[in-house]
Amino acid sequence: MSTSTAPGAVVTQQRSEWPLHTYLPPLGVIPEVVHTARAEVTAILHIWGLRSSLIEDAELVVSELVTNSVQQAQREPPVSGTLPILQVSLFSDRRGVVVCVWDPLPGIPEEHAADDDDEGGRGLTLVSAFGHWDYELLPHRGKVVRAWLGFRAA
């Protein structure tokens, strides 16, 4: 079952099953937002008392997911001329954390095999190294990309 109380809050468990959850305020999709999102996520996960290795993984993953949104916005600027926003949300059961990044931008996230000399293109491959990721297209509202960190595969 999916719940959606905020744009980026699409998770497969009921909200009550996540004892720790938060939504960052909407952020403008500009390059500087990567640092802001990373700092906010780091601070929240420290407050929650999660283990250091999980926090470090989440820092890297949120940086990659937000960077993907920024790059998508640069490739396909909105027709309306308005600055698109994204929203980061976090869910944890204290063993693992789900990092969600919602944006209103078109496109389907895909892993790419980057060449050794490519400067980019490794984001989702890197996310896969730390956990599982998936996405959900939200008709007329963009997409949410989720990274599941610290959970063991069943």
N, C-alpha and C. Protein backbone atom coordinates (compact mmCIF):
# COMPACT_ATOMS: atom_id res chain seq x y z
N MET A 1 0.84 -1.18 0.00
CA MET A 1 0.00 0.00 0.00
C MET A 1 0.88 1.23 0.00
N SER A 2 0.52 2.25 -0.76
CA SER A 2 1.28 3.49 -0.81
C SER A 2 0.55 4.58 -0.05
N THR A 3 1.32 5.42 0.59
CA THR A 3 0.76 6.60 1.21
C THR A 3 1.46 7.80 0.59
N SER A 4 0.77 8.92 0.55
CA SER A 4 1.38 10.11 -0.04
C SER A 4 0.88 11.35 0.67
N THR A 5 1.44 11.63 1.85
CA THR A 5 1.03 12.81 2.59
C THR A 5 1.83 14.03 2.21
N ALA A 6 2.92 13.87 1.49
CA ALA A 6 3.72 14.96 0.95
C ALA A 6 4.22 14.50 -0.41
N PRO A 7 4.62 15.41 -1.28
CA PRO A 7 5.00 14.98 -2.62
C PRO A 7 6.02 13.85 -2.65
N GLY A 8 7.03 13.88 -1.80
CA GLY A 8 8.06 12.86 -1.82
C GLY A 8 7.85 11.73 -0.85
N ALA A 9 6.68 11.64 -0.29
CA ALA A 9 6.44 10.69 0.78
C ALA A 9 5.76 9.42 0.32
N VAL A 10 6.13 8.93 -0.82
CA VAL A 10 5.53 7.71 -1.33
C VAL A 10 6.38 6.54 -0.87
N VAL A 11 5.90 5.81 0.09
CA VAL A 11 6.60 4.63 0.60
C VAL A 11 5.64 3.47 0.63
N THR A 12 6.17 2.27 0.72
CA THR A 12 5.32 1.10 0.61
C THR A 12 4.78 0.60 1.94
N GLN A 13 5.13 1.27 3.01
CA GLN A 13 4.57 0.89 4.30
C GLN A 13 3.70 2.03 4.81
N GLN A 14 2.80 1.70 5.70
CA GLN A 14 1.99 2.73 6.33
C GLN A 14 2.91 3.66 7.13
N ARG A 15 2.57 4.93 7.19
CA ARG A 15 3.37 5.92 7.91
C ARG A 15 3.62 5.49 9.36
N SER A 16 2.64 4.86 10.00
CA SER A 16 2.77 4.46 11.40
C SER A 16 3.84 3.39 11.60
N GLU A 17 4.23 2.69 10.52
CA GLU A 17 5.27 1.67 10.62
C GLU A 17 6.66 2.29 10.63
N TRP A 18 6.77 3.58 10.37
CA TRP A 18 8.05 4.29 10.38
C TRP A 18 8.10 5.16 11.62
N PRO A 19 8.76 4.70 12.69
CA PRO A 19 8.79 5.51 13.91
C PRO A 19 9.50 6.84 13.73
N LEU A 20 10.40 6.92 12.75
CA LEU A 20 11.11 8.16 12.47
C LEU A 20 10.82 8.56 11.03
N HIS A 21 10.33 9.76 10.83
CA HIS A 21 10.07 10.26 9.48
C HIS A 21 10.04 11.78 9.50
N THR A 22 10.49 12.36 8.42
CA THR A 22 10.47 13.81 8.29
C THR A 22 10.49 14.19 6.82
N TYR A 23 10.06 15.40 6.55
CA TYR A 23 10.06 15.96 5.21
C TYR A 23 10.83 17.27 5.27
N LEU A 24 11.86 17.41 4.46
CA LEU A 24 12.55 18.68 4.38
C LEU A 24 11.66 19.67 3.65
N PRO A 25 11.83 20.95 3.93
CA PRO A 25 11.05 21.94 3.18
C PRO A 25 11.39 21.85 1.69
N PRO A 26 10.47 22.26 0.83
CA PRO A 26 10.76 22.25 -0.61
C PRO A 26 12.00 23.11 -0.89
N LEU A 27 12.82 22.62 -1.82
CA LEU A 27 14.07 23.29 -2.17
C LEU A 27 14.08 23.57 -3.67
N GLY A 28 14.57 24.73 -4.04
CA GLY A 28 14.71 25.06 -5.46
C GLY A 28 15.74 24.17 -6.11
N VAL A 29 15.47 23.73 -7.32
CA VAL A 29 16.36 22.81 -8.03
C VAL A 29 17.47 23.63 -8.70
N ILE A 30 18.49 23.97 -7.90
CA ILE A 30 19.68 24.69 -8.35
C ILE A 30 20.90 23.94 -7.81
N PRO A 31 22.07 24.11 -8.41
CA PRO A 31 23.23 23.33 -7.98
C PRO A 31 23.55 23.42 -6.48
N GLU A 32 23.34 24.56 -5.87
CA GLU A 32 23.64 24.74 -4.45
C GLU A 32 22.77 23.90 -3.53
N VAL A 33 21.66 23.40 -4.05
CA VAL A 33 20.73 22.63 -3.23
C VAL A 33 21.33 21.29 -2.81
N VAL A 34 22.30 20.79 -3.55
CA VAL A 34 22.91 19.50 -3.22
C VAL A 34 23.55 19.58 -1.84
N HIS A 35 24.33 20.62 -1.61
CA HIS A 35 24.98 20.79 -0.30
C HIS A 35 23.95 20.97 0.81
N THR A 36 22.91 21.76 0.54
CA THR A 36 21.87 22.00 1.55
C THR A 36 21.17 20.71 1.93
N ALA A 37 20.76 19.93 0.95
CA ALA A 37 20.05 18.67 1.23
C ALA A 37 20.95 17.71 2.01
N ARG A 38 22.21 17.61 1.61
CA ARG A 38 23.14 16.72 2.29
C ARG A 38 23.32 17.13 3.76
N ALA A 39 23.50 18.41 4.00
CA ALA A 39 23.69 18.90 5.37
C ALA A 39 22.45 18.64 6.23
N GLU A 40 21.28 18.88 5.67
CA GLU A 40 20.03 18.66 6.42
C GLU A 40 19.84 17.18 6.75
N VAL A 41 20.07 16.31 5.77
CA VAL A 41 19.92 14.87 5.99
C VAL A 41 20.90 14.39 7.06
N THR A 42 22.14 14.85 6.97
CA THR A 42 23.15 14.47 7.95
C THR A 42 22.73 14.87 9.35
N ALA A 43 22.28 16.10 9.50
CA ALA A 43 21.87 16.59 10.82
C ALA A 43 20.70 15.78 11.38
N ILE A 44 19.71 15.50 10.55
CA ILE A 44 18.53 14.76 11.00
C ILE A 44 18.91 13.34 11.43
N LEU A 45 19.71 12.66 10.62
CA LEU A 45 20.07 11.28 10.96
C LEU A 45 20.94 11.21 12.21
N HIS A 46 21.76 12.24 12.45
CA HIS A 46 22.52 12.30 13.71
C HIS A 46 21.56 12.48 14.89
N ILE A 47 20.59 13.36 14.73
CA ILE A 47 19.60 13.58 15.80
C ILE A 47 18.85 12.29 16.10
N TRP A 48 18.54 11.52 15.06
CA TRP A 48 17.84 10.25 15.24
C TRP A 48 18.74 9.19 15.87
N GLY A 49 20.03 9.44 15.93
CA GLY A 49 20.95 8.49 16.56
C GLY A 49 21.25 7.26 15.72
N LEU A 50 21.15 7.38 14.40
CA LEU A 50 21.45 6.24 13.54
C LEU A 50 22.96 6.01 13.49
N ARG A 51 23.34 4.80 13.14
CA ARG A 51 24.77 4.44 13.13
C ARG A 51 25.53 5.23 12.06
N SER A 52 26.79 5.50 12.34
CA SER A 52 27.61 6.35 11.48
C SER A 52 27.69 5.86 10.05
N SER A 53 27.85 4.55 9.86
CA SER A 53 27.98 4.04 8.49
C SER A 53 26.71 4.29 7.69
N LEU A 54 25.56 4.20 8.31
CA LEU A 54 24.29 4.45 7.62
C LEU A 54 24.16 5.94 7.27
N ILE A 55 24.60 6.80 8.18
CA ILE A 55 24.57 8.24 7.92
C ILE A 55 25.47 8.59 6.75
N GLU A 56 26.66 8.01 6.73
CA GLU A 56 27.59 8.28 5.62
C GLU A 56 27.01 7.81 4.29
N ASP A 57 26.39 6.65 4.28
CA ASP A 57 25.76 6.15 3.05
C ASP A 57 24.64 7.09 2.61
N ALA A 58 23.82 7.54 3.55
CA ALA A 58 22.70 8.42 3.23
C ALA A 58 23.19 9.77 2.71
N GLU A 59 24.30 10.27 3.25
CA GLU A 59 24.87 11.53 2.76
C GLU A 59 25.21 11.42 1.28
N LEU A 60 25.87 10.36 0.93
CA LEU A 60 26.28 10.16 -0.46
C LEU A 60 25.06 9.94 -1.36
N VAL A 61 24.13 9.14 -0.90
CA VAL A 61 22.96 8.83 -1.71
C VAL A 61 22.09 10.06 -1.96
N VAL A 62 21.84 10.86 -0.92
CA VAL A 62 21.01 12.05 -1.14
C VAL A 62 21.72 13.02 -2.07
N SER A 63 23.04 13.10 -1.98
CA SER A 63 23.79 13.95 -2.90
C SER A 63 23.59 13.49 -4.34
N GLU A 64 23.66 12.20 -4.57
CA GLU A 64 23.49 11.66 -5.93
C GLU A 64 22.07 11.89 -6.45
N LEU A 65 21.07 11.61 -5.62
CA LEU A 65 19.68 11.75 -6.07
C LEU A 65 19.32 13.20 -6.35
N VAL A 66 19.77 14.11 -5.49
CA VAL A 66 19.49 15.53 -5.71
C VAL A 66 20.27 16.04 -6.93
N THR A 67 21.51 15.60 -7.08
CA THR A 67 22.29 15.98 -8.27
C THR A 67 21.57 15.54 -9.54
N ASN A 68 20.99 14.35 -9.53
CA ASN A 68 20.23 13.89 -10.70
C ASN A 68 19.09 14.85 -11.03
N SER A 69 18.37 15.32 -10.01
CA SER A 69 17.28 16.27 -10.24
C SER A 69 17.81 17.58 -10.82
N VAL A 70 18.92 18.07 -10.27
CA VAL A 70 19.51 19.32 -10.76
C VAL A 70 19.93 19.16 -12.22
N GLN A 71 20.58 18.06 -12.54
CA GLN A 71 21.02 17.84 -13.93
C GLN A 71 19.83 17.71 -14.88
N GLN A 72 18.78 17.05 -14.43
CA GLN A 72 17.57 16.93 -15.26
C GLN A 72 16.97 18.31 -15.53
N ALA A 73 16.93 19.16 -14.51
CA ALA A 73 16.39 20.52 -14.67
C ALA A 73 17.24 21.34 -15.62
N GLN A 74 18.54 21.14 -15.61
CA GLN A 74 19.42 21.87 -16.52
C GLN A 74 19.26 21.41 -17.96
N ARG A 75 18.99 20.11 -18.15
CA ARG A 75 18.79 19.56 -19.50
C ARG A 75 17.44 19.97 -20.08
N GLU A 76 16.43 20.02 -19.22
CA GLU A 76 15.07 20.30 -19.67
C GLU A 76 14.45 21.40 -18.82
N PRO A 77 14.86 22.66 -19.04
CA PRO A 77 14.31 23.75 -18.23
C PRO A 77 12.79 23.82 -18.37
N PRO A 78 12.09 24.18 -17.31
CA PRO A 78 10.62 24.25 -17.38
C PRO A 78 10.17 25.30 -18.38
N VAL A 79 9.13 24.97 -19.10
CA VAL A 79 8.58 25.87 -20.11
C VAL A 79 8.00 27.12 -19.45
N SER A 80 7.46 26.97 -18.27
CA SER A 80 6.79 28.07 -17.59
C SER A 80 7.75 29.16 -17.12
N GLY A 81 9.05 28.85 -17.06
CA GLY A 81 10.01 29.82 -16.58
C GLY A 81 10.14 29.87 -15.07
N THR A 82 9.36 29.06 -14.36
CA THR A 82 9.46 29.05 -12.91
C THR A 82 10.52 28.04 -12.46
N LEU A 83 11.08 28.30 -11.32
CA LEU A 83 12.09 27.41 -10.76
C LEU A 83 11.42 26.15 -10.22
N PRO A 84 11.80 24.97 -10.73
CA PRO A 84 11.21 23.75 -10.16
C PRO A 84 11.73 23.54 -8.74
N ILE A 85 10.98 22.80 -7.97
CA ILE A 85 11.38 22.48 -6.61
C ILE A 85 11.54 20.97 -6.49
N LEU A 86 12.23 20.55 -5.45
CA LEU A 86 12.29 19.14 -5.10
C LEU A 86 12.03 19.05 -3.60
N GLN A 87 11.72 17.85 -3.15
CA GLN A 87 11.52 17.65 -1.72
C GLN A 87 12.15 16.33 -1.32
N VAL A 88 12.90 16.39 -0.23
CA VAL A 88 13.54 15.21 0.33
C VAL A 88 12.75 14.78 1.55
N SER A 89 12.49 13.50 1.66
CA SER A 89 11.85 12.96 2.86
C SER A 89 12.64 11.74 3.32
N LEU A 90 12.59 11.50 4.61
CA LEU A 90 13.35 10.41 5.23
C LEU A 90 12.43 9.58 6.10
N PHE A 91 12.64 8.26 6.06
CA PHE A 91 11.87 7.33 6.88
C PHE A 91 12.86 6.33 7.46
N SER A 92 12.69 6.01 8.74
CA SER A 92 13.59 5.04 9.35
C SER A 92 12.87 4.21 10.40
N ASP A 93 13.31 2.96 10.50
CA ASP A 93 12.86 2.08 11.58
C ASP A 93 14.01 1.85 12.56
N ARG A 94 15.02 2.68 12.50
CA ARG A 94 16.25 2.66 13.30
C ARG A 94 17.28 1.65 12.79
N ARG A 95 16.88 0.67 11.97
CA ARG A 95 17.83 -0.28 11.39
C ARG A 95 18.31 0.20 10.02
N GLY A 96 17.40 0.81 9.29
CA GLY A 96 17.70 1.30 7.95
C GLY A 96 17.02 2.64 7.74
N VAL A 97 17.25 3.22 6.59
CA VAL A 97 16.64 4.49 6.26
C VAL A 97 16.23 4.48 4.79
N VAL A 98 15.10 5.10 4.51
CA VAL A 98 14.64 5.30 3.14
C VAL A 98 14.79 6.79 2.84
N VAL A 99 15.57 7.09 1.81
CA VAL A 99 15.77 8.46 1.35
C VAL A 99 14.90 8.63 0.11
N CYS A 100 13.98 9.58 0.13
CA CYS A 100 13.09 9.84 -1.00
C CYS A 100 13.37 11.23 -1.53
N VAL A 101 13.47 11.35 -2.84
CA VAL A 101 13.60 12.65 -3.48
C VAL A 101 12.51 12.76 -4.53
N TRP A 102 11.63 13.73 -4.34
CA TRP A 102 10.55 14.01 -5.28
C TRP A 102 10.93 15.23 -6.10
N ASP A 103 10.64 15.18 -7.39
CA ASP A 103 10.73 16.36 -8.23
C ASP A 103 9.63 16.31 -9.28
N PRO A 104 9.25 17.45 -9.84
CA PRO A 104 8.18 17.50 -10.83
C PRO A 104 8.66 17.29 -12.26
N LEU A 105 9.92 16.93 -12.42
CA LEU A 105 10.55 16.89 -13.73
C LEU A 105 10.21 15.61 -14.49
N PRO A 106 10.19 15.69 -15.82
CA PRO A 106 9.93 14.49 -16.62
C PRO A 106 11.14 13.57 -16.61
N GLY A 107 10.96 12.42 -17.13
CA GLY A 107 12.08 11.50 -17.28
C GLY A 107 12.02 10.36 -16.29
N ILE A 108 12.56 9.24 -16.72
CA ILE A 108 12.60 8.04 -15.89
C ILE A 108 14.04 7.81 -15.47
N PRO A 109 14.29 7.64 -14.17
CA PRO A 109 15.66 7.40 -13.73
C PRO A 109 16.16 6.04 -14.23
N GLU A 110 17.40 6.04 -14.70
CA GLU A 110 18.00 4.81 -15.21
C GLU A 110 19.46 4.74 -14.80
N GLU A 111 19.92 3.53 -14.51
CA GLU A 111 21.35 3.32 -14.29
C GLU A 111 22.03 3.28 -15.65
N HIS A 112 23.20 3.87 -15.72
CA HIS A 112 23.98 3.88 -16.95
C HIS A 112 25.36 3.31 -16.68
N ALA A 113 25.89 2.61 -17.65
CA ALA A 113 27.27 2.14 -17.57
C ALA A 113 28.16 3.25 -18.11
N ALA A 114 28.83 3.96 -17.19
CA ALA A 114 29.70 5.07 -17.59
C ALA A 114 31.07 4.54 -18.00
N ASP A 115 31.65 5.19 -19.00
CA ASP A 115 33.02 4.88 -19.40
C ASP A 115 33.98 5.41 -18.35
N ASP A 116 35.19 4.88 -18.33
CA ASP A 116 36.18 5.29 -17.34
C ASP A 116 36.48 6.78 -17.38
N ASP A 117 36.43 7.39 -18.55
CA ASP A 117 36.76 8.80 -18.67
C ASP A 117 35.54 9.73 -18.58
N ASP A 118 34.37 9.19 -18.37
CA ASP A 118 33.16 10.01 -18.20
C ASP A 118 33.22 10.72 -16.85
N GLU A 119 32.79 12.00 -16.84
CA GLU A 119 32.77 12.75 -15.60
C GLU A 119 31.53 12.46 -14.76
N GLY A 120 30.49 11.97 -15.36
CA GLY A 120 29.26 11.69 -14.64
C GLY A 120 28.65 10.39 -15.11
N GLY A 121 27.38 10.18 -14.73
CA GLY A 121 26.66 9.01 -15.21
C GLY A 121 26.72 7.81 -14.29
N ARG A 122 27.28 7.98 -13.11
CA ARG A 122 27.42 6.85 -12.18
C ARG A 122 26.49 6.95 -10.98
N GLY A 123 25.65 7.97 -10.93
CA GLY A 123 24.85 8.24 -9.74
C GLY A 123 24.03 7.07 -9.23
N LEU A 124 23.15 6.52 -10.06
CA LEU A 124 22.29 5.44 -9.61
C LEU A 124 23.05 4.13 -9.45
N THR A 125 24.12 3.96 -10.21
CA THR A 125 24.98 2.79 -10.02
C THR A 125 25.62 2.86 -8.64
N LEU A 126 26.04 4.06 -8.27
CA LEU A 126 26.62 4.26 -6.94
C LEU A 126 25.57 4.02 -5.85
N VAL A 127 24.36 4.52 -6.07
CA VAL A 127 23.28 4.30 -5.10
C VAL A 127 23.04 2.80 -4.93
N SER A 128 23.08 2.05 -6.02
CA SER A 128 22.88 0.60 -5.95
C SER A 128 23.95 -0.09 -5.13
N ALA A 129 25.13 0.48 -5.08
CA ALA A 129 26.22 -0.11 -4.28
C ALA A 129 25.94 -0.02 -2.78
N PHE A 130 25.08 0.92 -2.38
CA PHE A 130 24.77 1.11 -0.97
C PHE A 130 23.44 0.52 -0.54
N GLY A 131 22.61 0.16 -1.49
CA GLY A 131 21.30 -0.38 -1.14
C GLY A 131 20.49 -0.59 -2.41
N HIS A 132 19.21 -0.61 -2.25
CA HIS A 132 18.27 -0.81 -3.35
C HIS A 132 17.62 0.54 -3.66
N TRP A 133 17.35 0.81 -4.92
CA TRP A 133 16.60 2.02 -5.26
C TRP A 133 15.44 1.65 -6.18
N ASP A 134 14.42 2.47 -6.13
CA ASP A 134 13.30 2.32 -7.04
C ASP A 134 12.70 3.70 -7.28
N TYR A 135 11.69 3.76 -8.10
CA TYR A 135 11.05 5.04 -8.36
C TYR A 135 9.57 4.81 -8.63
N GLU A 136 8.84 5.89 -8.53
CA GLU A 136 7.42 5.85 -8.85
C GLU A 136 7.09 7.11 -9.63
N LEU A 137 6.47 6.92 -10.79
CA LEU A 137 6.00 8.05 -11.57
C LEU A 137 4.64 8.47 -11.01
N LEU A 138 4.48 9.75 -10.80
CA LEU A 138 3.25 10.29 -10.25
C LEU A 138 2.58 11.10 -11.36
N PRO A 139 1.50 10.59 -11.95
CA PRO A 139 0.88 11.26 -13.09
C PRO A 139 0.64 12.75 -12.84
N HIS A 140 1.18 13.57 -13.73
CA HIS A 140 1.03 15.02 -13.68
C HIS A 140 1.68 15.66 -12.45
N ARG A 141 2.48 14.88 -11.70
CA ARG A 141 3.12 15.44 -10.50
C ARG A 141 4.60 15.08 -10.42
N GLY A 142 5.17 14.49 -11.45
CA GLY A 142 6.59 14.19 -11.44
C GLY A 142 6.88 12.76 -11.02
N LYS A 143 7.91 12.63 -10.19
CA LYS A 143 8.35 11.29 -9.77
C LYS A 143 8.99 11.38 -8.40
N VAL A 144 9.06 10.24 -7.76
CA VAL A 144 9.81 10.12 -6.51
C VAL A 144 10.79 8.97 -6.70
N VAL A 145 12.04 9.21 -6.33
CA VAL A 145 13.07 8.18 -6.37
C VAL A 145 13.39 7.85 -4.92
N ARG A 146 13.40 6.55 -4.60
CA ARG A 146 13.64 6.10 -3.23
C ARG A 146 14.89 5.25 -3.18
N ALA A 147 15.68 5.45 -2.16
CA ALA A 147 16.84 4.59 -1.91
C ALA A 147 16.64 3.95 -0.54
N TRP A 148 16.74 2.63 -0.51
CA TRP A 148 16.54 1.84 0.69
C TRP A 148 17.90 1.44 1.21
N LEU A 149 18.32 1.99 2.32
CA LEU A 149 19.67 1.77 2.84
C LEU A 149 19.63 1.02 4.18
N GLY A 150 20.48 0.01 4.30
CA GLY A 150 20.59 -0.71 5.57
C GLY A 150 19.60 -1.83 5.75
N PHE A 151 18.78 -2.09 4.76
CA PHE A 151 17.81 -3.19 4.83
C PHE A 151 18.37 -4.41 4.12
N ARG A 152 18.22 -5.54 4.70
CA ARG A 152 18.69 -6.79 4.09
C ARG A 152 17.65 -7.29 3.10
N ALA A 153 18.10 -7.80 1.99
CA ALA A 153 17.18 -8.36 1.00
C ALA A 153 16.55 -9.62 1.56
N ALA A 154 15.25 -9.78 1.32
CA ALA A 154 14.53 -10.95 1.84
C ALA A 154 14.81 -12.17 1.00
